[in-house]
C-alpha cells in the first residue's frame, strides 16, 4: 500500500505541475514508471513494461530521454 500511495502522490504532483492539460492516463503511467523503474533490474523493467502495456493497451508512452545522464566511476 505504501508504494501505491507513492505513485498516487507523485501523480498528483505531476498533474499540479503540468503546464498543459495532460490525459490522466498519461500522468498515472509516468508516475508508475518514475516511482518503480529506478528500483528494478533490467529483466524486471521488461516485465514491468509488459504489464503496463497489458493494463493500458491503447496507450503509447513517451520515451524518456536519458542522453544527458552519465556514469561516474
Protein backbone atom coordinates (compact mmCIF):
# COMPACT_ATOMS: atom_id res chain seq x y z
CA UNK A 1 0.00 0.00 0.00
CA UNK A 2 2.88 2.34 0.71
CA UNK A 3 4.16 2.06 -2.87
CA UNK A 4 0.66 2.69 -4.23
CA UNK A 5 0.44 5.84 -2.13
CA UNK A 6 3.81 6.98 -3.50
CA UNK A 7 2.55 6.57 -7.07
CA UNK A 8 -0.66 8.47 -6.34
CA UNK A 9 1.18 11.30 -4.58
CA UNK A 10 3.63 11.60 -7.48
CA UNK A 11 0.76 11.55 -9.99
CA UNK A 12 -0.95 14.35 -8.07
CA UNK A 13 2.24 16.40 -8.05
CA UNK A 14 2.76 15.82 -11.79
CA UNK A 15 -0.82 16.89 -12.50
CA UNK A 16 -0.41 20.08 -10.46
CA UNK A 17 2.93 20.88 -12.13
CA UNK A 18 1.72 20.18 -15.68
CA UNK A 19 1.80 23.33 -17.75
CA UNK A 20 -0.61 21.82 -20.26
CA UNK A 21 -3.62 19.64 -19.69
CA UNK A 22 -2.40 16.06 -19.80
CA UNK A 23 -4.51 12.94 -20.02
CA UNK A 24 -4.81 11.37 -16.56
CA UNK A 25 -3.78 8.01 -18.01
CA UNK A 26 -0.51 9.58 -19.18
CA UNK A 27 0.14 11.12 -15.77
CA UNK A 28 -0.54 7.84 -13.98
CA UNK A 29 1.74 5.81 -16.25
CA UNK A 30 4.51 8.38 -15.91
CA UNK A 31 4.20 8.30 -12.12
CA UNK A 32 4.27 4.49 -12.09
CA UNK A 33 7.38 4.47 -14.26
CA UNK A 34 9.21 7.16 -12.29
CA UNK A 35 8.43 5.51 -8.94
CA UNK A 36 9.26 1.95 -9.92
CA UNK A 37 11.83 1.75 -12.73
CA UNK A 38 14.77 3.05 -10.63
CA UNK A 39 14.22 0.12 -8.24
CA UNK A 40 14.16 -2.60 -10.92
CA UNK A 41 16.83 -4.73 -12.53
CA UNK A 42 16.99 -4.80 -16.32
CA UNK A 43 14.91 -8.00 -16.62
CA UNK A 44 12.28 -6.55 -14.28
CA UNK A 45 11.92 -3.45 -16.45
CA UNK A 46 10.93 -5.61 -19.41
CA UNK A 47 8.31 -7.39 -17.30
CA UNK A 48 7.03 -4.10 -15.85
CA UNK A 49 6.70 -2.60 -19.33
CA UNK A 50 4.73 -5.64 -20.50
CA UNK A 51 2.37 -5.35 -17.51
CA UNK A 52 1.78 -1.65 -18.20
CA UNK A 53 1.03 -2.46 -21.86
CA UNK A 54 -1.49 -5.08 -20.71
CA UNK A 55 -3.18 -2.62 -18.35
CA UNK A 56 -3.24 0.24 -20.88
CA UNK A 57 -3.31 -1.48 -24.31
CA UNK A 58 -4.15 1.61 -26.40
CA UNK A 59 -1.66 3.92 -24.74
CA UNK A 60 1.78 4.59 -26.24
CA UNK A 61 4.04 6.07 -23.55
CA UNK A 62 6.58 8.75 -24.37
CA UNK A 63 10.17 7.58 -24.36
CA UNK A 64 12.35 9.01 -21.62
CA UNK A 65 15.46 10.82 -22.87
CA UNK A 66 18.44 9.70 -20.79
CA UNK A 67 21.09 11.07 -23.14
CA UNK A 68 22.23 13.71 -20.64
CA UNK A 69 22.90 11.15 -17.91
CA UNK A 70 26.43 9.93 -17.38
CA UNK A 71 28.01 7.30 -15.20
CA UNK A 72 30.75 8.46 -12.85
CA UNK A 73 33.20 5.87 -11.66
